[in-house]
């Protein structure tokens, strides 16, 4: 597992082997089953998760109990309710496994300690945060300015490998369309 994390970190920042070893020592492996919740709304959020294998969905449930899918996360990605993690407050979002999933989790205390002991990891997390922010802005703009068909085509462009892994009803929810509308998109391809 550590080799996967080391390779991931090396793509973003240049660390010496001793720094990589130290950084990896702050993580703990955890396994989850398909449909299992990693974070529930109102939970205290104490971890961020690096996905080694599997697929997750981050969602928000409104006051009418309607689910709104914020994002999907797969191998080599990070996920959490970041607002709750960084402010050490309760979750407003939930994180659920769409497949059996293996993560390397990093607690808030270990995160703080790692940044002290391996300062270059601050740059790593800054770059990851910027990338996530850009992706979030792209999603917000697509919801505001694109038709459902255009959102579907954008999803195919950026995440082609996810198409076969995400249940159609879940993908339809993410795109803000009915299952029938999504089926029509598939037929037109």
N, C-alpha and C. Protein backbone atom coordinates (compact mmCIF):
# COMPACT_ATOMS: atom_id res chain seq x y z
N UNK A 1 0.82 -1.20 0.00
CA UNK A 1 0.00 0.00 0.00
C UNK A 1 0.86 1.26 0.00
N UNK A 2 1.92 1.23 0.81
CA UNK A 2 2.77 2.42 0.88
C UNK A 2 3.38 2.76 -0.46
N UNK A 3 3.68 1.74 -1.28
CA UNK A 3 4.27 2.03 -2.59
C UNK A 3 3.29 2.80 -3.47
N UNK A 4 2.01 2.45 -3.39
CA UNK A 4 0.99 3.16 -4.17
C UNK A 4 0.93 4.62 -3.72
N UNK A 5 0.94 4.85 -2.42
CA UNK A 5 0.91 6.22 -1.89
C UNK A 5 2.18 6.97 -2.25
N UNK A 6 3.33 6.32 -2.15
CA UNK A 6 4.61 6.96 -2.51
C UNK A 6 4.60 7.40 -3.97
N UNK A 7 4.15 6.51 -4.85
CA UNK A 7 4.07 6.84 -6.28
C UNK A 7 3.15 8.04 -6.50
N UNK A 8 2.03 8.04 -5.80
CA UNK A 8 1.06 9.14 -5.91
C UNK A 8 1.69 10.47 -5.45
N UNK A 9 2.35 10.46 -4.34
CA UNK A 9 2.97 11.68 -3.81
C UNK A 9 4.06 12.18 -4.75
N UNK A 10 4.87 11.25 -5.27
CA UNK A 10 5.98 11.63 -6.17
C UNK A 10 5.49 12.32 -7.44
N UNK A 11 4.26 12.06 -7.86
CA UNK A 11 3.71 12.73 -9.05
C UNK A 11 3.54 14.23 -8.81
N UNK A 12 3.49 14.64 -7.54
CA UNK A 12 3.17 16.03 -7.22
C UNK A 12 4.32 16.79 -6.58
N UNK A 13 5.07 16.14 -5.69
CA UNK A 13 6.20 16.81 -5.03
C UNK A 13 7.40 15.86 -5.01
N UNK A 14 8.57 16.46 -4.97
CA UNK A 14 9.81 15.70 -4.96
C UNK A 14 10.27 15.52 -3.52
N UNK A 15 10.11 14.31 -3.01
CA UNK A 15 10.55 14.00 -1.65
C UNK A 15 11.65 12.95 -1.70
N UNK A 16 12.56 13.04 -0.75
CA UNK A 16 13.56 12.00 -0.60
C UNK A 16 12.89 10.77 0.00
N UNK A 17 13.49 9.60 -0.16
CA UNK A 17 12.89 8.36 0.33
C UNK A 17 12.58 8.42 1.83
N UNK A 18 13.46 9.02 2.60
CA UNK A 18 13.23 9.10 4.05
C UNK A 18 12.02 9.98 4.36
N UNK A 19 11.81 11.03 3.56
CA UNK A 19 10.64 11.90 3.74
C UNK A 19 9.36 11.14 3.35
N UNK A 20 9.44 10.36 2.26
CA UNK A 20 8.28 9.56 1.84
C UNK A 20 7.90 8.54 2.90
N UNK A 21 8.91 7.87 3.44
CA UNK A 21 8.67 6.88 4.50
C UNK A 21 7.98 7.53 5.70
N UNK A 22 8.50 8.69 6.08
CA UNK A 22 7.93 9.40 7.22
C UNK A 22 6.49 9.80 6.93
N UNK A 23 6.24 10.38 5.75
CA UNK A 23 4.88 10.80 5.38
C UNK A 23 3.92 9.61 5.40
N UNK A 24 4.33 8.50 4.82
CA UNK A 24 3.46 7.32 4.75
C UNK A 24 3.18 6.73 6.13
N UNK A 25 4.06 6.96 7.07
CA UNK A 25 3.87 6.39 8.41
C UNK A 25 2.66 6.99 9.14
N UNK A 26 2.15 8.09 8.66
CA UNK A 26 1.01 8.75 9.30
C UNK A 26 -0.34 8.20 8.84
N UNK A 27 -0.33 7.33 7.84
CA UNK A 27 -1.56 6.79 7.27
C UNK A 27 -1.89 5.41 7.84
N UNK A 28 -3.18 5.09 7.82
CA UNK A 28 -3.65 3.80 8.29
C UNK A 28 -4.59 3.21 7.24
N UNK A 29 -4.41 1.95 6.92
CA UNK A 29 -5.27 1.28 5.94
C UNK A 29 -6.61 0.92 6.56
N UNK A 30 -7.66 1.06 5.75
CA UNK A 30 -8.99 0.63 6.18
C UNK A 30 -9.75 0.11 4.96
N UNK A 31 -10.55 -0.92 5.18
CA UNK A 31 -11.34 -1.54 4.11
C UNK A 31 -12.83 -1.35 4.39
N UNK A 32 -13.58 -1.12 3.31
CA UNK A 32 -15.02 -0.93 3.41
C UNK A 32 -15.70 -1.79 2.35
N UNK A 33 -16.92 -2.19 2.64
CA UNK A 33 -17.73 -2.97 1.70
C UNK A 33 -18.60 -2.05 0.85
N UNK A 34 -19.00 -2.57 -0.30
CA UNK A 34 -19.93 -1.86 -1.18
C UNK A 34 -21.16 -1.44 -0.37
N UNK A 35 -21.62 -0.22 -0.58
CA UNK A 35 -22.76 0.42 0.09
C UNK A 35 -22.47 0.89 1.52
N UNK A 36 -21.30 0.57 2.05
CA UNK A 36 -20.97 1.00 3.41
C UNK A 36 -20.71 2.51 3.43
N UNK A 37 -21.14 3.13 4.52
CA UNK A 37 -20.93 4.57 4.70
C UNK A 37 -19.59 4.78 5.41
N UNK A 38 -18.77 5.65 4.85
CA UNK A 38 -17.51 6.02 5.50
C UNK A 38 -17.75 7.23 6.40
N UNK A 39 -18.54 8.17 5.89
CA UNK A 39 -18.94 9.35 6.66
C UNK A 39 -20.45 9.49 6.52
N UNK A 40 -21.12 9.74 7.61
CA UNK A 40 -22.54 10.08 7.62
C UNK A 40 -22.69 11.55 8.00
N UNK A 41 -23.70 12.21 7.45
CA UNK A 41 -23.99 13.58 7.86
C UNK A 41 -24.13 13.61 9.37
N UNK A 42 -23.61 14.64 9.97
CA UNK A 42 -23.58 14.87 11.42
C UNK A 42 -22.50 14.09 12.17
N UNK A 43 -21.71 13.26 11.46
CA UNK A 43 -20.54 12.63 12.08
C UNK A 43 -19.46 13.67 12.30
N UNK A 44 -18.63 13.47 13.29
CA UNK A 44 -17.40 14.24 13.42
C UNK A 44 -16.45 13.72 12.34
N UNK A 45 -15.84 14.59 11.57
CA UNK A 45 -14.97 14.15 10.48
C UNK A 45 -13.52 14.29 10.92
N UNK A 46 -12.91 13.14 11.15
CA UNK A 46 -11.54 13.12 11.67
C UNK A 46 -10.50 12.66 10.65
N UNK A 47 -10.94 12.29 9.43
CA UNK A 47 -10.00 11.75 8.45
C UNK A 47 -10.25 12.29 7.04
N UNK A 48 -9.17 12.30 6.27
CA UNK A 48 -9.24 12.39 4.82
C UNK A 48 -8.82 11.02 4.31
N UNK A 49 -9.26 10.67 3.11
CA UNK A 49 -9.07 9.32 2.59
C UNK A 49 -8.40 9.35 1.22
N UNK A 50 -7.31 8.59 1.10
CA UNK A 50 -6.67 8.35 -0.19
C UNK A 50 -7.19 6.99 -0.66
N UNK A 51 -7.77 6.95 -1.85
CA UNK A 51 -8.39 5.72 -2.33
C UNK A 51 -7.35 4.85 -3.04
N UNK A 52 -7.12 3.69 -2.49
CA UNK A 52 -6.20 2.72 -3.07
C UNK A 52 -6.93 1.90 -4.13
N UNK A 53 -8.13 1.44 -3.80
CA UNK A 53 -8.97 0.73 -4.76
C UNK A 53 -10.42 0.95 -4.38
N UNK A 54 -11.27 0.95 -5.39
CA UNK A 54 -12.69 1.13 -5.14
C UNK A 54 -13.23 2.43 -5.70
N UNK A 55 -14.46 2.71 -5.36
CA UNK A 55 -15.18 3.87 -5.89
C UNK A 55 -16.12 4.41 -4.81
N UNK A 56 -16.10 5.72 -4.62
CA UNK A 56 -16.92 6.38 -3.61
C UNK A 56 -17.79 7.45 -4.25
N UNK A 57 -18.88 7.79 -3.54
CA UNK A 57 -19.66 8.95 -3.92
C UNK A 57 -19.81 9.84 -2.69
N UNK A 58 -19.64 11.14 -2.91
CA UNK A 58 -19.85 12.15 -1.88
C UNK A 58 -21.21 12.75 -2.16
N UNK A 59 -22.07 12.81 -1.13
CA UNK A 59 -23.42 13.29 -1.38
C UNK A 59 -23.92 14.17 -0.25
N UNK A 60 -24.91 14.97 -0.60
CA UNK A 60 -25.59 15.83 0.35
C UNK A 60 -27.06 15.43 0.32
N UNK A 61 -27.67 15.27 1.49
CA UNK A 61 -29.10 14.95 1.57
C UNK A 61 -29.82 16.18 2.11
N UNK A 62 -30.77 16.68 1.31
CA UNK A 62 -31.46 17.91 1.69
C UNK A 62 -32.59 17.64 2.69
N UNK A 63 -33.29 18.68 3.09
CA UNK A 63 -34.34 18.56 4.12
C UNK A 63 -35.53 17.73 3.66
N UNK A 64 -35.66 17.51 2.35
CA UNK A 64 -36.71 16.64 1.81
C UNK A 64 -36.22 15.21 1.61
N UNK A 65 -35.03 14.90 2.14
CA UNK A 65 -34.39 13.58 2.04
C UNK A 65 -33.98 13.23 0.61
N UNK A 66 -33.80 14.25 -0.23
CA UNK A 66 -33.34 14.02 -1.60
C UNK A 66 -31.82 14.06 -1.61
N UNK A 67 -31.22 13.03 -2.25
CA UNK A 67 -29.76 12.96 -2.36
C UNK A 67 -29.27 13.79 -3.54
N UNK A 68 -28.21 14.53 -3.29
CA UNK A 68 -27.53 15.29 -4.34
C UNK A 68 -26.08 14.81 -4.37
N UNK A 69 -25.69 14.21 -5.48
CA UNK A 69 -24.33 13.67 -5.58
C UNK A 69 -23.38 14.80 -5.96
N UNK A 70 -22.40 15.02 -5.12
CA UNK A 70 -21.43 16.08 -5.32
C UNK A 70 -20.30 15.62 -6.21
N UNK A 71 -19.79 14.41 -5.92
CA UNK A 71 -18.65 13.92 -6.70
C UNK A 71 -18.50 12.42 -6.54
N UNK A 72 -17.71 11.86 -7.44
CA UNK A 72 -17.26 10.48 -7.36
C UNK A 72 -15.75 10.51 -7.14
N UNK A 73 -15.23 9.48 -6.49
CA UNK A 73 -13.79 9.39 -6.25
C UNK A 73 -13.35 7.95 -6.47
N UNK A 74 -12.27 7.79 -7.23
CA UNK A 74 -11.77 6.45 -7.52
C UNK A 74 -10.29 6.36 -7.14
N UNK A 75 -9.66 5.29 -7.55
CA UNK A 75 -8.27 5.05 -7.23
C UNK A 75 -7.40 6.27 -7.54
N UNK A 76 -6.47 6.52 -6.62
CA UNK A 76 -5.48 7.59 -6.77
C UNK A 76 -6.09 8.97 -6.53
N UNK A 77 -7.30 9.03 -5.96
CA UNK A 77 -7.96 10.28 -5.62
C UNK A 77 -8.11 10.38 -4.11
N UNK A 78 -8.42 11.56 -3.66
CA UNK A 78 -8.66 11.85 -2.24
C UNK A 78 -10.11 12.24 -2.04
N UNK A 79 -10.66 11.94 -0.85
CA UNK A 79 -12.03 12.39 -0.58
C UNK A 79 -12.26 12.50 0.92
N UNK A 80 -13.19 13.39 1.26
CA UNK A 80 -13.68 13.59 2.62
C UNK A 80 -14.72 14.70 2.56
N UNK A 81 -15.34 15.00 3.67
CA UNK A 81 -16.10 16.24 3.80
C UNK A 81 -15.05 17.23 4.28
N UNK A 82 -14.42 17.91 3.34
CA UNK A 82 -13.24 18.73 3.66
C UNK A 82 -13.56 19.90 4.58
N UNK A 83 -14.71 20.51 4.41
CA UNK A 83 -15.07 21.63 5.30
C UNK A 83 -15.11 21.14 6.74
N UNK A 84 -15.73 19.99 6.96
CA UNK A 84 -15.82 19.45 8.31
C UNK A 84 -14.46 18.98 8.82
N UNK A 85 -13.65 18.39 7.94
CA UNK A 85 -12.32 17.93 8.35
C UNK A 85 -11.44 19.11 8.79
N UNK A 86 -11.32 20.11 7.93
CA UNK A 86 -10.40 21.22 8.22
C UNK A 86 -10.88 22.11 9.36
N UNK A 87 -12.18 22.17 9.57
CA UNK A 87 -12.69 22.99 10.68
C UNK A 87 -13.01 22.16 11.91
N UNK A 88 -12.81 20.84 11.78
CA UNK A 88 -13.08 19.90 12.87
C UNK A 88 -14.50 20.07 13.41
N UNK A 89 -15.44 20.07 12.47
CA UNK A 89 -16.86 20.17 12.80
C UNK A 89 -17.58 18.94 12.26
N UNK A 90 -18.88 18.91 12.45
CA UNK A 90 -19.67 17.76 12.01
C UNK A 90 -19.92 17.83 10.50
N UNK A 91 -20.02 16.65 9.91
CA UNK A 91 -20.23 16.53 8.47
C UNK A 91 -21.59 17.07 8.04
N UNK A 92 -21.61 17.71 6.89
CA UNK A 92 -22.86 18.07 6.23
C UNK A 92 -23.08 17.16 5.02
N UNK A 93 -22.03 16.42 4.66
CA UNK A 93 -22.07 15.52 3.51
C UNK A 93 -21.82 14.09 3.99
N UNK A 94 -22.17 13.14 3.15
CA UNK A 94 -21.94 11.73 3.45
C UNK A 94 -21.03 11.15 2.37
N UNK A 95 -20.29 10.13 2.75
CA UNK A 95 -19.37 9.46 1.83
C UNK A 95 -19.69 7.97 1.85
N UNK A 96 -20.05 7.44 0.67
CA UNK A 96 -20.50 6.05 0.58
C UNK A 96 -19.72 5.30 -0.49
N UNK A 97 -19.50 4.02 -0.22
CA UNK A 97 -18.79 3.15 -1.16
C UNK A 97 -19.75 2.63 -2.23
N UNK A 98 -19.37 2.79 -3.48
CA UNK A 98 -20.12 2.20 -4.59
C UNK A 98 -19.55 0.83 -4.96
N UNK A 99 -18.35 0.54 -4.48
CA UNK A 99 -17.67 -0.74 -4.66
C UNK A 99 -16.96 -1.07 -3.35
N UNK A 100 -16.53 -2.31 -3.19
CA UNK A 100 -15.63 -2.61 -2.09
C UNK A 100 -14.43 -1.68 -2.25
N UNK A 101 -13.98 -1.10 -1.16
CA UNK A 101 -12.99 -0.02 -1.24
C UNK A 101 -11.90 -0.19 -0.18
N UNK A 102 -10.68 0.12 -0.58
CA UNK A 102 -9.54 0.16 0.34
C UNK A 102 -9.01 1.58 0.32
N UNK A 103 -8.85 2.16 1.50
CA UNK A 103 -8.34 3.53 1.62
C UNK A 103 -7.13 3.54 2.55
N UNK A 104 -6.36 4.60 2.42
CA UNK A 104 -5.37 4.96 3.42
C UNK A 104 -5.90 6.23 4.05
N UNK A 105 -6.22 6.15 5.33
CA UNK A 105 -6.82 7.32 5.97
C UNK A 105 -5.77 8.07 6.78
N UNK A 106 -5.97 9.38 6.83
CA UNK A 106 -5.07 10.29 7.52
C UNK A 106 -5.90 11.10 8.51
N UNK A 107 -5.62 10.94 9.79
CA UNK A 107 -6.38 11.68 10.81
C UNK A 107 -5.95 13.15 10.82
N UNK A 108 -6.80 13.98 11.40
CA UNK A 108 -6.50 15.40 11.50
C UNK A 108 -5.21 15.63 12.30
N UNK A 109 -5.08 14.93 13.42
CA UNK A 109 -3.86 15.08 14.24
C UNK A 109 -2.62 14.62 13.49
N UNK A 110 -2.72 13.49 12.79
CA UNK A 110 -1.58 13.01 12.00
C UNK A 110 -1.27 13.94 10.84
N UNK A 111 -2.30 14.52 10.25
CA UNK A 111 -2.11 15.49 9.18
C UNK A 111 -1.28 16.67 9.69
N UNK A 112 -1.66 17.21 10.84
CA UNK A 112 -0.94 18.34 11.42
C UNK A 112 0.51 17.96 11.75
N UNK A 113 0.68 16.78 12.33
CA UNK A 113 2.02 16.32 12.69
C UNK A 113 2.88 16.07 11.46
N UNK A 114 2.29 15.49 10.42
CA UNK A 114 3.02 15.22 9.19
C UNK A 114 3.51 16.52 8.55
N UNK A 115 2.68 17.55 8.53
CA UNK A 115 3.09 18.82 7.95
C UNK A 115 4.25 19.43 8.73
N UNK A 116 4.29 19.19 10.02
CA UNK A 116 5.40 19.67 10.85
C UNK A 116 6.67 18.89 10.55
N UNK A 117 6.55 17.58 10.45
CA UNK A 117 7.73 16.72 10.28
C UNK A 117 8.18 16.57 8.83
N UNK A 118 7.27 16.74 7.89
CA UNK A 118 7.60 16.65 6.46
C UNK A 118 7.00 17.89 5.78
N UNK A 119 7.65 19.05 5.93
CA UNK A 119 7.07 20.31 5.45
C UNK A 119 6.72 20.34 3.96
N UNK A 120 7.41 19.56 3.14
CA UNK A 120 7.10 19.54 1.70
C UNK A 120 5.70 19.01 1.42
N UNK A 121 5.11 18.29 2.39
CA UNK A 121 3.75 17.78 2.20
C UNK A 121 2.73 18.92 2.21
N UNK A 122 3.09 20.07 2.76
CA UNK A 122 2.21 21.24 2.70
C UNK A 122 1.98 21.62 1.24
N UNK A 123 3.06 21.60 0.45
CA UNK A 123 2.96 21.91 -0.98
C UNK A 123 2.12 20.84 -1.69
N UNK A 124 2.30 19.60 -1.30
CA UNK A 124 1.51 18.51 -1.89
C UNK A 124 0.01 18.76 -1.69
N UNK A 125 -0.38 19.01 -0.44
CA UNK A 125 -1.80 19.20 -0.16
C UNK A 125 -2.35 20.50 -0.76
N UNK A 126 -1.51 21.52 -0.87
CA UNK A 126 -1.94 22.75 -1.53
C UNK A 126 -2.25 22.47 -3.00
N UNK A 127 -1.37 21.75 -3.67
CA UNK A 127 -1.60 21.43 -5.08
C UNK A 127 -2.84 20.55 -5.26
N UNK A 128 -3.06 19.61 -4.35
CA UNK A 128 -4.25 18.77 -4.42
C UNK A 128 -5.51 19.62 -4.20
N UNK A 129 -5.45 20.55 -3.26
CA UNK A 129 -6.60 21.41 -2.98
C UNK A 129 -6.92 22.30 -4.18
N UNK A 130 -5.90 22.83 -4.81
CA UNK A 130 -6.12 23.67 -5.99
C UNK A 130 -6.77 22.86 -7.11
N UNK A 131 -6.27 21.64 -7.33
CA UNK A 131 -6.87 20.77 -8.35
C UNK A 131 -8.32 20.47 -8.05
N UNK A 132 -8.62 20.20 -6.79
CA UNK A 132 -10.01 19.94 -6.39
C UNK A 132 -10.89 21.15 -6.56
N UNK A 133 -10.34 22.32 -6.27
CA UNK A 133 -11.10 23.56 -6.42
C UNK A 133 -11.44 23.80 -7.89
N UNK A 134 -10.48 23.58 -8.76
CA UNK A 134 -10.71 23.75 -10.20
C UNK A 134 -11.80 22.79 -10.67
N UNK A 135 -11.74 21.54 -10.24
CA UNK A 135 -12.75 20.55 -10.62
C UNK A 135 -14.13 20.96 -10.11
N UNK A 136 -14.20 21.46 -8.88
CA UNK A 136 -15.48 21.91 -8.32
C UNK A 136 -16.05 23.08 -9.11
N UNK A 137 -15.19 24.03 -9.49
CA UNK A 137 -15.67 25.16 -10.28
C UNK A 137 -16.19 24.69 -11.63
N UNK A 138 -15.51 23.74 -12.25
CA UNK A 138 -15.96 23.20 -13.54
C UNK A 138 -17.34 22.58 -13.39
N UNK A 139 -17.54 21.83 -12.30
CA UNK A 139 -18.85 21.19 -12.07
C UNK A 139 -19.93 22.23 -11.83
N UNK A 140 -19.65 23.23 -11.02
CA UNK A 140 -20.65 24.28 -10.75
C UNK A 140 -21.03 24.99 -12.04
N UNK A 141 -20.04 25.36 -12.84
CA UNK A 141 -20.32 26.04 -14.11
C UNK A 141 -21.13 25.15 -15.05
N UNK A 142 -20.83 23.85 -15.06
CA UNK A 142 -21.60 22.96 -15.94
C UNK A 142 -23.06 22.90 -15.51
N UNK A 143 -23.30 22.88 -14.21
CA UNK A 143 -24.69 22.85 -13.72
C UNK A 143 -25.43 24.15 -14.03
N UNK A 144 -24.69 25.25 -14.07
CA UNK A 144 -25.31 26.55 -14.31
C UNK A 144 -25.51 26.86 -15.79
N UNK A 145 -24.65 26.33 -16.64
CA UNK A 145 -24.63 26.81 -18.03
C UNK A 145 -24.86 25.75 -19.09
N UNK A 146 -24.79 24.47 -18.75
CA UNK A 146 -24.87 23.42 -19.77
C UNK A 146 -26.20 22.68 -19.72
N UNK A 147 -26.57 22.15 -20.85
CA UNK A 147 -27.74 21.27 -20.91
C UNK A 147 -27.34 19.93 -20.29
N UNK A 148 -28.33 19.11 -20.02
CA UNK A 148 -28.06 17.78 -19.46
C UNK A 148 -27.18 16.97 -20.41
N UNK A 149 -27.45 17.07 -21.68
CA UNK A 149 -26.66 16.34 -22.70
C UNK A 149 -25.20 16.82 -22.67
N UNK A 150 -25.00 18.12 -22.56
CA UNK A 150 -23.63 18.65 -22.51
C UNK A 150 -22.91 18.20 -21.23
N UNK A 151 -23.64 18.14 -20.11
CA UNK A 151 -23.03 17.66 -18.86
C UNK A 151 -22.62 16.20 -19.00
N UNK A 152 -23.45 15.42 -19.64
CA UNK A 152 -23.13 14.01 -19.89
C UNK A 152 -21.87 13.90 -20.75
N UNK A 153 -21.80 14.67 -21.82
CA UNK A 153 -20.63 14.63 -22.70
C UNK A 153 -19.37 15.10 -21.98
N UNK A 154 -19.50 16.09 -21.11
CA UNK A 154 -18.36 16.55 -20.32
C UNK A 154 -17.89 15.44 -19.37
N UNK A 155 -18.85 14.75 -18.75
CA UNK A 155 -18.51 13.64 -17.86
C UNK A 155 -17.74 12.58 -18.63
N UNK A 156 -18.20 12.23 -19.82
CA UNK A 156 -17.50 11.24 -20.66
C UNK A 156 -16.08 11.70 -21.00
N UNK A 157 -15.94 12.98 -21.26
CA UNK A 157 -14.62 13.53 -21.62
C UNK A 157 -13.64 13.42 -20.46
N UNK A 158 -14.06 13.80 -19.27
CA UNK A 158 -13.15 13.84 -18.12
C UNK A 158 -13.04 12.51 -17.37
N UNK A 159 -14.09 11.69 -17.40
CA UNK A 159 -14.11 10.47 -16.59
C UNK A 159 -14.60 9.26 -17.38
N UNK A 160 -14.02 8.97 -18.53
CA UNK A 160 -14.52 7.85 -19.34
C UNK A 160 -14.45 6.50 -18.62
N UNK A 161 -13.47 6.31 -17.77
CA UNK A 161 -13.32 5.01 -17.09
C UNK A 161 -14.41 4.78 -16.04
N UNK A 162 -15.09 5.83 -15.61
CA UNK A 162 -16.13 5.68 -14.59
C UNK A 162 -17.46 5.24 -15.18
N UNK A 163 -17.66 5.42 -16.46
CA UNK A 163 -18.95 5.15 -17.08
C UNK A 163 -19.44 3.73 -16.80
N UNK A 164 -18.56 2.74 -16.88
CA UNK A 164 -18.96 1.35 -16.67
C UNK A 164 -19.03 0.98 -15.19
N UNK A 165 -18.51 1.82 -14.32
CA UNK A 165 -18.43 1.49 -12.90
C UNK A 165 -19.57 2.08 -12.07
N UNK A 166 -20.20 3.11 -12.58
CA UNK A 166 -21.24 3.80 -11.83
C UNK A 166 -22.61 3.31 -12.29
N UNK A 167 -23.45 2.87 -11.38
CA UNK A 167 -24.81 2.47 -11.77
C UNK A 167 -25.52 3.62 -12.50
N UNK A 168 -26.27 3.28 -13.51
CA UNK A 168 -26.92 4.30 -14.35
C UNK A 168 -27.83 5.23 -13.55
N UNK A 169 -28.53 4.69 -12.57
CA UNK A 169 -29.42 5.53 -11.76
C UNK A 169 -28.61 6.54 -10.94
N UNK A 170 -27.43 6.15 -10.50
CA UNK A 170 -26.56 7.04 -9.73
C UNK A 170 -25.97 8.11 -10.65
N UNK A 171 -25.54 7.71 -11.84
CA UNK A 171 -25.02 8.67 -12.80
C UNK A 171 -26.10 9.67 -13.21
N UNK A 172 -27.32 9.20 -13.41
CA UNK A 172 -28.43 10.09 -13.76
C UNK A 172 -28.63 11.13 -12.66
N UNK A 173 -28.58 10.70 -11.42
CA UNK A 173 -28.73 11.62 -10.29
C UNK A 173 -27.61 12.67 -10.29
N UNK A 174 -26.39 12.23 -10.51
CA UNK A 174 -25.24 13.14 -10.56
C UNK A 174 -25.43 14.20 -11.65
N UNK A 175 -25.94 13.76 -12.80
CA UNK A 175 -26.11 14.67 -13.94
C UNK A 175 -27.38 15.51 -13.83
N UNK A 176 -28.26 15.15 -12.89
CA UNK A 176 -29.51 15.90 -12.72
C UNK A 176 -30.55 15.57 -13.78
N UNK A 177 -30.57 14.29 -14.22
CA UNK A 177 -31.53 13.85 -15.23
C UNK A 177 -32.21 12.57 -14.74
N UNK A 178 -33.27 12.20 -15.43
CA UNK A 178 -33.94 10.94 -15.11
C UNK A 178 -33.16 9.78 -15.72
N UNK A 179 -33.44 8.60 -15.26
CA UNK A 179 -32.80 7.38 -15.80
C UNK A 179 -33.16 7.23 -17.28
N UNK A 180 -34.39 7.58 -17.64
CA UNK A 180 -34.84 7.47 -19.03
C UNK A 180 -34.07 8.43 -19.93
N UNK A 181 -33.86 9.66 -19.45
CA UNK A 181 -33.11 10.64 -20.23
C UNK A 181 -31.68 10.16 -20.42
N UNK A 182 -31.09 9.62 -19.37
CA UNK A 182 -29.72 9.10 -19.48
C UNK A 182 -29.67 7.97 -20.50
N UNK A 183 -30.66 7.10 -20.51
CA UNK A 183 -30.72 6.00 -21.49
C UNK A 183 -30.74 6.54 -22.92
N UNK A 184 -31.47 7.62 -23.14
CA UNK A 184 -31.50 8.24 -24.47
C UNK A 184 -30.11 8.75 -24.87
N UNK A 185 -29.36 9.30 -23.90
CA UNK A 185 -28.00 9.75 -24.18
C UNK A 185 -27.14 8.58 -24.63
N UNK A 186 -27.28 7.43 -23.97
CA UNK A 186 -26.53 6.24 -24.33
C UNK A 186 -26.88 5.77 -25.74
N UNK A 187 -28.16 5.81 -26.05
CA UNK A 187 -28.62 5.36 -27.36
C UNK A 187 -28.10 6.25 -28.48
N UNK A 188 -27.91 7.52 -28.21
CA UNK A 188 -27.47 8.47 -29.25
C UNK A 188 -25.97 8.43 -29.48
N UNK A 189 -25.25 7.70 -28.67
CA UNK A 189 -23.77 7.63 -28.82
C UNK A 189 -23.39 6.61 -29.84
